[in-house]
Amino acid sequence: MQIGAETDGELLSIECFNLPPGWMSLSTSIPRQDSRAQMISGARRLRVRGEIQEVGSGESHTIPAEEPHSFGNCGDEEAHWIDRKSVV
């Protein structure tokens, strides 16, 4: 994990988990930060720009700053990923 103080405010890196089954977040957007996630295990379903994408273990995805999105667990096991938010 890294925090802004360690990267001069340029990066936040956090470890995240979603428990099954299929819960989906409300749509949200994050100003001034791109979000890049690397899946460790499990699977997530994302809705970005109205399109649905599923990502699984070993895959990654990027959500651009200020882009409305939602996400949830689409598998039978806990979804585990590292989320890196960087200033744009």
PDB file of N, CA and C in Angstrom:
ATOM      1  N   MET A   1       0.838  -1.165   0.000  1.00  0.00           N
ATOM      2  CA  MET A   1       0.000   0.000   0.000  1.00  0.00           C
ATOM      3  C   MET A   1       0.890   1.237   0.000  1.00  0.00           C
ATOM      4  N   GLN A   2       0.486   2.237  -0.774  1.00  0.00           N
ATOM      5  CA  GLN A   2       1.185   3.520  -0.772  1.00  0.00           C
ATOM      6  C   GLN A   2       0.158   4.629  -0.571  1.00  0.00           C
ATOM      7  N   ILE A   3       0.570   5.691   0.096  1.00  0.00           N
ATOM      8  CA  ILE A   3      -0.320   6.819   0.298  1.00  0.00           C
ATOM      9  C   ILE A   3       0.294   8.069  -0.323  1.00  0.00           C
ATOM     10  N   GLY A   4      -0.516   9.102  -0.454  1.00  0.00           N
ATOM     11  CA  GLY A   4      -0.081  10.329  -1.091  1.00  0.00           C
ATOM     12  C   GLY A   4       1.177  10.926  -0.487  1.00  0.00           C
ATOM     13  N   ALA A   5       1.331  10.844   0.824  1.00  0.00           N
ATOM     14  CA  ALA A   5       2.510  11.414   1.480  1.00  0.00           C
ATOM     15  C   ALA A   5       3.795  10.735   1.022  1.00  0.00           C
ATOM     16  N   GLU A   6       3.709   9.476   0.631  1.00  0.00           N
ATOM     17  CA  GLU A   6       4.890   8.727   0.183  1.00  0.00           C
ATOM     18  C   GLU A   6       5.204   8.958  -1.293  1.00  0.00           C
ATOM     19  N   THR A   7       4.255   9.536  -2.034  1.00  0.00           N
ATOM     20  CA  THR A   7       4.424   9.709  -3.487  1.00  0.00           C
ATOM     21  C   THR A   7       4.213  11.163  -3.910  1.00  0.00           C
ATOM     22  N   ASP A   8       4.424  12.096  -2.993  1.00  0.00           N
ATOM     23  CA  ASP A   8       4.197  13.526  -3.253  1.00  0.00           C
ATOM     24  C   ASP A   8       2.789  13.793  -3.783  1.00  0.00           C
ATOM     25  N   GLY A   9       1.813  13.045  -3.281  1.00  0.00           N
ATOM     26  CA  GLY A   9       0.419  13.248  -3.657  1.00  0.00           C
ATOM     27  C   GLY A   9       0.042  12.726  -5.026  1.00  0.00           C
ATOM     28  N   GLU A  10       0.930  11.981  -5.680  1.00  0.00           N
ATOM     29  CA  GLU A  10       0.691  11.531  -7.051  1.00  0.00           C
ATOM     30  C   GLU A  10       0.011  10.169  -7.149  1.00  0.00           C
ATOM     31  N   LEU A  11       0.053   9.349  -6.091  1.00  0.00           N
ATOM     32  CA  LEU A  11      -0.453   7.986  -6.186  1.00  0.00           C
ATOM     33  C   LEU A  11      -1.034   7.536  -4.851  1.00  0.00           C
ATOM     34  N   LEU A  12      -2.143   6.806  -4.917  1.00  0.00           N
ATOM     35  CA  LEU A  12      -2.703   6.106  -3.776  1.00  0.00           C
ATOM     36  C   LEU A  12      -2.889   4.663  -4.209  1.00  0.00           C
ATOM     37  N   SER A  13      -2.320   3.726  -3.486  1.00  0.00           N
ATOM     38  CA  SER A  13      -2.414   2.310  -3.822  1.00  0.00           C
ATOM     39  C   SER A  13      -3.036   1.583  -2.639  1.00  0.00           C
ATOM     40  N   ILE A  14      -4.187   0.904  -2.867  1.00  0.00           N
ATOM     41  CA  ILE A  14      -4.884   0.227  -1.782  1.00  0.00           C
ATOM     42  C   ILE A  14      -5.277  -1.189  -2.203  1.00  0.00           C
ATOM     43  N   GLU A  15      -5.345  -2.072  -1.219  1.00  0.00           N
ATOM     44  CA  GLU A  15      -5.777  -3.443  -1.433  1.00  0.00           C
ATOM     45  C   GLU A  15      -7.276  -3.498  -1.149  1.00  0.00           C
ATOM     46  N   CYS A  16      -8.056  -4.075  -2.079  1.00  0.00           N
ATOM     47  CA  CYS A  16      -9.511  -4.061  -1.986  1.00  0.00           C
ATOM     48  C   CYS A  16     -10.100  -5.464  -2.077  1.00  0.00           C
ATOM     49  N   PHE A  17     -11.295  -5.633  -1.500  1.00  0.00           N
ATOM     50  CA  PHE A  17     -12.005  -6.909  -1.514  1.00  0.00           C
ATOM     51  C   PHE A  17     -13.493  -6.658  -1.721  1.00  0.00           C
ATOM     52  N   ASN A  18     -14.158  -7.524  -2.481  1.00  0.00           N
ATOM     53  CA  ASN A  18     -15.620  -7.566  -2.597  1.00  0.00           C
ATOM     54  C   ASN A  18     -16.050  -8.983  -2.282  1.00  0.00           C
ATOM     55  N   LEU A  19     -16.985  -9.125  -1.371  1.00  0.00           N
ATOM     56  CA  LEU A  19     -17.507 -10.446  -1.052  1.00  0.00           C
ATOM     57  C   LEU A  19     -18.592 -10.832  -2.050  1.00  0.00           C
ATOM     58  N   PRO A  20     -18.731 -12.135  -2.358  1.00  0.00           N
ATOM     59  CA  PRO A  20     -19.838 -12.575  -3.201  1.00  0.00           C
ATOM     60  C   PRO A  20     -21.110 -12.571  -2.358  1.00  0.00           C
ATOM     61  N   PRO A  21     -22.251 -12.697  -2.930  1.00  0.00           N
ATOM     62  CA  PRO A  21     -22.556 -12.784  -4.356  1.00  0.00           C
ATOM     63  C   PRO A  21     -22.915 -11.428  -4.939  1.00  0.00           C
ATOM     64  N   GLY A  22     -22.669 -11.232  -6.171  1.00  0.00           N
ATOM     65  CA  GLY A  22     -23.090 -10.202  -7.094  1.00  0.00           C
ATOM     66  C   GLY A  22     -23.531  -8.830  -6.646  1.00  0.00           C
ATOM     67  N   TRP A  23     -23.138  -8.322  -5.520  1.00  0.00           N
ATOM     68  CA  TRP A  23     -23.474  -6.966  -5.117  1.00  0.00           C
ATOM     69  C   TRP A  23     -22.890  -5.986  -6.127  1.00  0.00           C
ATOM     70  N   MET A  24     -23.600  -4.908  -6.440  1.00  0.00           N
ATOM     71  CA  MET A  24     -23.125  -3.894  -7.392  1.00  0.00           C
ATOM     72  C   MET A  24     -23.168  -2.535  -6.715  1.00  0.00           C
ATOM     73  N   SER A  25     -22.101  -1.765  -6.820  1.00  0.00           N
ATOM     74  CA  SER A  25     -22.049  -0.444  -6.200  1.00  0.00           C
ATOM     75  C   SER A  25     -22.957   0.528  -6.942  1.00  0.00           C
ATOM     76  N   LEU A  26     -23.267   1.628  -6.301  1.00  0.00           N
ATOM     77  CA  LEU A  26     -23.941   2.724  -6.983  1.00  0.00           C
ATOM     78  C   LEU A  26     -22.959   3.372  -7.936  1.00  0.00           C
ATOM     79  N   SER A  27     -23.449   4.031  -8.949  1.00  0.00           N
ATOM     80  CA  SER A  27     -22.566   4.718  -9.888  1.00  0.00           C
ATOM     81  C   SER A  27     -21.872   5.878  -9.182  1.00  0.00           C
ATOM     82  N   THR A  28     -20.585   6.010  -9.431  1.00  0.00           N
ATOM     83  CA  THR A  28     -19.790   7.064  -8.827  1.00  0.00           C
ATOM     84  C   THR A  28     -18.735   7.527  -9.825  1.00  0.00           C
ATOM     85  N   SER A  29     -18.091   8.636  -9.554  1.00  0.00           N
ATOM     86  CA  SER A  29     -16.948   9.077 -10.353  1.00  0.00           C
ATOM     87  C   SER A  29     -15.932   9.701  -9.404  1.00  0.00           C
ATOM     88  N   ILE A  30     -14.667   9.654  -9.801  1.00  0.00           N
ATOM     89  CA  ILE A  30     -13.597  10.174  -8.958  1.00  0.00           C
ATOM     90  C   ILE A  30     -12.910  11.313  -9.702  1.00  0.00           C
ATOM     91  N   PRO A  31     -13.023  12.536  -9.182  1.00  0.00           N
ATOM     92  CA  PRO A  31     -12.416  13.670  -9.878  1.00  0.00           C
ATOM     93  C   PRO A  31     -10.888  13.641  -9.832  1.00  0.00           C
ATOM     94  N   ARG A  32     -10.275  14.020 -10.912  1.00  0.00           N
ATOM     95  CA  ARG A  32      -8.827  14.238 -11.023  1.00  0.00           C
ATOM     96  C   ARG A  32      -7.967  13.006 -10.742  1.00  0.00           C
ATOM     97  N   GLN A  33      -8.541  11.799 -10.767  1.00  0.00           N
ATOM     98  CA  GLN A  33      -7.740  10.595 -10.531  1.00  0.00           C
ATOM     99  C   GLN A  33      -8.152   9.474 -11.477  1.00  0.00           C
ATOM    100  N   ASP A  34      -7.182   8.924 -12.205  1.00  0.00           N
ATOM    101  CA  ASP A  34      -7.407   7.684 -12.932  1.00  0.00           C
ATOM    102  C   ASP A  34      -7.327   6.546 -11.935  1.00  0.00           C
ATOM    103  N   SER A  35      -8.100   5.505 -12.160  1.00  0.00           N
ATOM    104  CA  SER A  35      -8.083   4.333 -11.293  1.00  0.00           C
ATOM    105  C   SER A  35      -7.661   3.120 -12.112  1.00  0.00           C
ATOM    106  N   ARG A  36      -6.560   2.498 -11.714  1.00  0.00           N
ATOM    107  CA  ARG A  36      -6.056   1.301 -12.395  1.00  0.00           C
ATOM    108  C   ARG A  36      -6.075   0.148 -11.402  1.00  0.00           C
ATOM    109  N   ALA A  37      -6.766  -0.923 -11.762  1.00  0.00           N
ATOM    110  CA  ALA A  37      -6.900  -2.057 -10.845  1.00  0.00           C
ATOM    111  C   ALA A  37      -6.280  -3.310 -11.456  1.00  0.00           C
ATOM    112  N   GLN A  38      -5.562  -4.055 -10.636  1.00  0.00           N
ATOM    113  CA  GLN A  38      -4.974  -5.339 -11.011  1.00  0.00           C
ATOM    114  C   GLN A  38      -5.642  -6.412 -10.167  1.00  0.00           C
ATOM    115  N   MET A  39      -6.353  -7.339 -10.829  1.00  0.00           N
ATOM    116  CA  MET A  39      -7.052  -8.401 -10.115  1.00  0.00           C
ATOM    117  C   MET A  39      -6.043  -9.424  -9.586  1.00  0.00           C
ATOM    118  N   ILE A  40      -6.173  -9.767  -8.317  1.00  0.00           N
ATOM    119  CA  ILE A  40      -5.343 -10.781  -7.686  1.00  0.00           C
ATOM    120  C   ILE A  40      -6.068 -12.137  -7.744  1.00  0.00           C
ATOM    121  N   SER A  41      -7.356 -12.132  -7.378  1.00  0.00           N
ATOM    122  CA  SER A  41      -8.155 -13.361  -7.428  1.00  0.00           C
ATOM    123  C   SER A  41      -9.627 -12.986  -7.535  1.00  0.00           C
ATOM    124  N   GLY A  42     -10.442 -13.957  -7.912  1.00  0.00           N
ATOM    125  CA  GLY A  42     -11.868 -13.712  -8.065  1.00  0.00           C
ATOM    126  C   GLY A  42     -12.168 -12.966  -9.358  1.00  0.00           C
ATOM    127  N   ALA A  43     -13.365 -12.386  -9.437  1.00  0.00           N
ATOM    128  CA  ALA A  43     -13.793 -11.677 -10.650  1.00  0.00           C
ATOM    129  C   ALA A  43     -14.693 -10.505 -10.289  1.00  0.00           C
ATOM    130  N   ARG A  44     -14.588  -9.452 -11.084  1.00  0.00           N
ATOM    131  CA  ARG A  44     -15.422  -8.255 -10.892  1.00  0.00           C
ATOM    132  C   ARG A  44     -16.161  -7.948 -12.182  1.00  0.00           C
ATOM    133  N   ARG A  45     -17.336  -7.359 -12.026  1.00  0.00           N
ATOM    134  CA  ARG A  45     -18.098  -6.846 -13.158  1.00  0.00           C
ATOM    135  C   ARG A  45     -18.101  -5.326 -13.030  1.00  0.00           C
ATOM    136  N   LEU A  46     -17.739  -4.642 -14.121  1.00  0.00           N
ATOM    137  CA  LEU A  46     -17.673  -3.180 -14.143  1.00  0.00           C
ATOM    138  C   LEU A  46     -18.672  -2.644 -15.153  1.00  0.00           C
ATOM    139  N   ARG A  47     -19.230  -1.497 -14.838  1.00  0.00           N
ATOM    140  CA  ARG A  47     -20.035  -0.770 -15.814  1.00  0.00           C
ATOM    141  C   ARG A  47     -19.374   0.592 -15.978  1.00  0.00           C
ATOM    142  N   VAL A  48     -18.810   0.828 -17.167  1.00  0.00           N
ATOM    143  CA  VAL A  48     -18.125   2.081 -17.481  1.00  0.00           C
ATOM    144  C   VAL A  48     -18.650   2.553 -18.836  1.00  0.00           C
ATOM    145  N   ARG A  49     -19.084   3.812 -18.904  1.00  0.00           N
ATOM    146  CA  ARG A  49     -19.659   4.365 -20.142  1.00  0.00           C
ATOM    147  C   ARG A  49     -20.843   3.528 -20.633  1.00  0.00           C
ATOM    148  N   GLY A  50     -21.576   2.925 -19.704  1.00  0.00           N
ATOM    149  CA  GLY A  50     -22.731   2.123 -20.065  1.00  0.00           C
ATOM    150  C   GLY A  50     -22.401   0.722 -20.552  1.00  0.00           C
ATOM    151  N   GLU A  51     -21.128   0.403 -20.688  1.00  0.00           N
ATOM    152  CA  GLU A  51     -20.715  -0.925 -21.145  1.00  0.00           C
ATOM    153  C   GLU A  51     -20.286  -1.779 -19.959  1.00  0.00           C
ATOM    154  N   ILE A  52     -20.678  -3.053 -20.002  1.00  0.00           N
ATOM    155  CA  ILE A  52     -20.327  -3.983 -18.931  1.00  0.00           C
ATOM    156  C   ILE A  52     -19.118  -4.807 -19.346  1.00  0.00           C
ATOM    157  N   GLN A  53     -18.186  -4.933 -18.407  1.00  0.00           N
ATOM    158  CA  GLN A  53     -16.952  -5.683 -18.637  1.00  0.00           C
ATOM    159  C   GLN A  53     -16.708  -6.568 -17.417  1.00  0.00           C
ATOM    160  N   GLU A  54     -16.256  -7.781 -17.642  1.00  0.00           N
ATOM    161  CA  GLU A  54     -15.868  -8.650 -16.533  1.00  0.00           C
ATOM    162  C   GLU A  54     -14.358  -8.850 -16.571  1.00  0.00           C
ATOM    163  N   VAL A  55     -13.724  -8.740 -15.402  1.00  0.00           N
ATOM    164  CA  VAL A  55     -12.286  -8.940 -15.299  1.00  0.00           C
ATOM    165  C   VAL A  55     -12.016  -9.973 -14.211  1.00  0.00           C
ATOM    166  N   GLY A  56     -11.053 -10.844 -14.464  1.00  0.00           N
ATOM    167  CA  GLY A  56     -10.742 -11.907 -13.518  1.00  0.00           C
ATOM    168  C   GLY A  56      -9.288 -11.895 -13.092  1.00  0.00           C
ATOM    169  N   SER A  57      -8.923 -12.882 -12.337  1.00  0.00           N
ATOM    170  CA  SER A  57      -7.584 -13.023 -11.785  1.00  0.00           C
ATOM    171  C   SER A  57      -6.507 -12.822 -12.851  1.00  0.00           C
ATOM    172  N   GLY A  58      -5.537 -11.956 -12.547  1.00  0.00           N
ATOM    173  CA  GLY A  58      -4.435 -11.678 -13.462  1.00  0.00           C
ATOM    174  C   GLY A  58      -4.729 -10.589 -14.473  1.00  0.00           C
ATOM    175  N   GLU A  59      -5.987 -10.163 -14.599  1.00  0.00           N
ATOM    176  CA  GLU A  59      -6.341  -9.115 -15.557  1.00  0.00           C
ATOM    177  C   GLU A  59      -6.338  -7.758 -14.875  1.00  0.00           C
ATOM    178  N   SER A  60      -6.307  -6.712 -15.685  1.00  0.00           N
ATOM    179  CA  SER A  60      -6.350  -5.353 -15.144  1.00  0.00           C
ATOM    180  C   SER A  60      -7.325  -4.513 -15.955  1.00  0.00           C
ATOM    181  N   HIS A  61      -7.680  -3.369 -15.409  1.00  0.00           N
ATOM    182  CA  HIS A  61      -8.562  -2.431 -16.103  1.00  0.00           C
ATOM    183  C   HIS A  61      -8.267  -1.024 -15.601  1.00  0.00           C
ATOM    184  N   THR A  62      -8.646  -0.037 -16.405  1.00  0.00           N
ATOM    185  CA  THR A  62      -8.466   1.371 -16.046  1.00  0.00           C
ATOM    186  C   THR A  62      -9.796   2.097 -16.173  1.00  0.00           C
ATOM    187  N   ILE A  63     -10.093   2.939 -15.193  1.00  0.00           N
ATOM    188  CA  ILE A  63     -11.264   3.805 -15.246  1.00  0.00           C
ATOM    189  C   ILE A  63     -10.737   5.237 -15.250  1.00  0.00           C
ATOM    190  N   PRO A  64     -10.987   5.986 -16.330  1.00  0.00           N
ATOM    191  CA  PRO A  64     -10.491   7.353 -16.416  1.00  0.00           C
ATOM    192  C   PRO A  64     -11.117   8.274 -15.354  1.00  0.00           C
ATOM    193  N   ALA A  65     -10.397   9.300 -14.988  1.00  0.00           N
ATOM    194  CA  ALA A  65     -10.884  10.295 -14.030  1.00  0.00           C
ATOM    195  C   ALA A  65     -12.244  10.830 -14.472  1.00  0.00           C
ATOM    196  N   GLU A  66     -13.112  11.053 -13.494  1.00  0.00           N
ATOM    197  CA  GLU A  66     -14.435  11.646 -13.676  1.00  0.00           C
ATOM    198  C   GLU A  66     -15.394  10.797 -14.510  1.00  0.00           C
ATOM    199  N   GLU A  67     -15.023   9.558 -14.830  1.00  0.00           N
ATOM    200  CA  GLU A  67     -15.897   8.676 -15.615  1.00  0.00           C
ATOM    201  C   GLU A  67     -16.869   7.955 -14.676  1.00  0.00           C
ATOM    202  N   PRO A  68     -18.179   8.156 -14.838  1.00  0.00           N
ATOM    203  CA  PRO A  68     -19.128   7.428 -13.995  1.00  0.00           C
ATOM    204  C   PRO A  68     -18.960   5.920 -14.172  1.00  0.00           C
ATOM    205  N   HIS A  69     -18.976   5.192 -13.059  1.00  0.00           N
ATOM    206  CA  HIS A  69     -18.788   3.743 -13.115  1.00  0.00           C
ATOM    207  C   HIS A  69     -19.407   3.087 -11.881  1.00  0.00           C
ATOM    208  N   SER A  70     -19.645   1.800 -12.002  1.00  0.00           N
ATOM    209  CA  SER A  70     -20.070   0.983 -10.873  1.00  0.00           C
ATOM    210  C   SER A  70     -19.377  -0.364 -11.005  1.00  0.00           C
ATOM    211  N   PHE A  71     -19.337  -1.117  -9.914  1.00  0.00           N
ATOM    212  CA  PHE A  71     -18.633  -2.398  -9.937  1.00  0.00           C
ATOM    213  C   PHE A  71     -19.210  -3.333  -8.897  1.00  0.00           C
ATOM    214  N   GLY A  72     -18.936  -4.613  -9.060  1.00  0.00           N
ATOM    215  CA  GLY A  72     -19.371  -5.608  -8.089  1.00  0.00           C
ATOM    216  C   GLY A  72     -18.673  -6.927  -8.330  1.00  0.00           C
ATOM    217  N   ASN A  73     -18.921  -7.864  -7.448  1.00  0.00           N
ATOM    218  CA  ASN A  73     -18.352  -9.200  -7.546  1.00  0.00           C
ATOM    219  C   ASN A  73     -19.254 -10.043  -8.447  1.00  0.00           C
ATOM    220  N   CYS A  74     -18.697 -10.672  -9.466  1.00  0.00           N
ATOM    221  CA  CYS A  74     -19.505 -11.504 -10.360  1.00  0.00           C
ATOM    222  C   CYS A  74     -19.130 -12.973 -10.262  1.00  0.00           C
ATOM    223  N   GLY A  75     -18.376 -13.341  -9.243  1.00  0.00           N
ATOM    224  CA  GLY A  75     -17.950 -14.724  -9.096  1.00  0.00           C
ATOM    225  C   GLY A  75     -18.502 -15.374  -7.839  1.00  0.00           C
ATOM    226  N   ASP A  76     -18.063 -16.573  -7.585  1.00  0.00           N
ATOM    227  CA  ASP A  76     -18.498 -17.333  -6.417  1.00  0.00           C
ATOM    228  C   ASP A  76     -17.540 -17.197  -5.244  1.00  0.00           C
ATOM    229  N   GLU A  77     -16.445 -16.488  -5.431  1.00  0.00           N
ATOM    230  CA  GLU A  77     -15.467 -16.300  -4.363  1.00  0.00           C
ATOM    231  C   GLU A  77     -15.199 -14.812  -4.178  1.00  0.00           C
ATOM    232  N   GLU A  78     -14.522 -14.494  -3.113  1.00  0.00           N
ATOM    233  CA  GLU A  78     -14.152 -13.112  -2.834  1.00  0.00           C
ATOM    234  C   GLU A  78     -13.328 -12.541  -3.990  1.00  0.00           C
ATOM    235  N   ALA A  79     -13.624 -11.316  -4.400  1.00  0.00           N
ATOM    236  CA  ALA A  79     -12.819 -10.615  -5.412  1.00  0.00           C
ATOM    237  C   ALA A  79     -11.744  -9.805  -4.672  1.00  0.00           C
ATOM    238  N   HIS A  80     -10.510  -9.922  -5.115  1.00  0.00           N
ATOM    239  CA  HIS A  80      -9.368  -9.285  -4.450  1.00  0.00           C
ATOM    240  C   HIS A  80      -8.551  -8.568  -5.514  1.00  0.00           C
ATOM    241  N   TRP A  81      -8.274  -7.263  -5.331  1.00  0.00           N
ATOM    242  CA  TRP A  81      -7.509  -6.507  -6.300  1.00  0.00           C
ATOM    243  C   TRP A  81      -6.728  -5.388  -5.645  1.00  0.00           C
ATOM    244  N   ILE A  82      -5.733  -4.895  -6.347  1.00  0.00           N
ATOM    245  CA  ILE A  82      -4.966  -3.720  -5.935  1.00  0.00           C
ATOM    246  C   ILE A  82      -5.441  -2.555  -6.804  1.00  0.00           C
ATOM    247  N   ASP A  83      -5.866  -1.488  -6.155  1.00  0.00           N
ATOM    248  CA  ASP A  83      -6.362  -0.302  -6.855  1.00  0.00           C
ATOM    249  C   ASP A  83      -5.343   0.823  -6.711  1.00  0.00           C
ATOM    250  N   ARG A  84      -4.908   1.360  -7.838  1.00  0.00           N
ATOM    251  CA  ARG A  84      -3.934   2.457  -7.847  1.00  0.00           C
ATOM    252  C   ARG A  84      -4.594   3.683  -8.458  1.00  0.00           C
ATOM    253  N   LYS A  85      -4.704   4.734  -7.673  1.00  0.00           N
ATOM    254  CA  LYS A  85      -5.302   5.982  -8.147  1.00  0.00           C
ATOM    255  C   LYS A  85      -4.185   7.002  -8.340  1.00  0.00           C
ATOM    256  N   SER A  86      -4.123   7.569  -9.541  1.00  0.00           N
ATOM    257  CA  SER A  86      -3.073   8.545  -9.823  1.00  0.00           C
ATOM    258  C   SER A  86      -3.697   9.849 -10.290  1.00  0.00           C
ATOM    259  N   VAL A  87      -3.062  10.940  -9.943  1.00  0.00           N
ATOM    260  CA  VAL A  87      -3.530  12.281 -10.299  1.00  0.00           C
ATOM    261  C   VAL A  87      -3.318  12.518 -11.778  1.00  0.00           C
ATOM    262  N   VAL A  88      -4.328  13.104 -12.418  1.00  0.00           N
ATOM    263  CA  VAL A  88      -4.208  13.441 -13.854  1.00  0.00           C
ATOM    264  C   VAL A  88      -4.194  14.951 -14.036  1.00  0.00           C
TER     265      VAL A  88
END
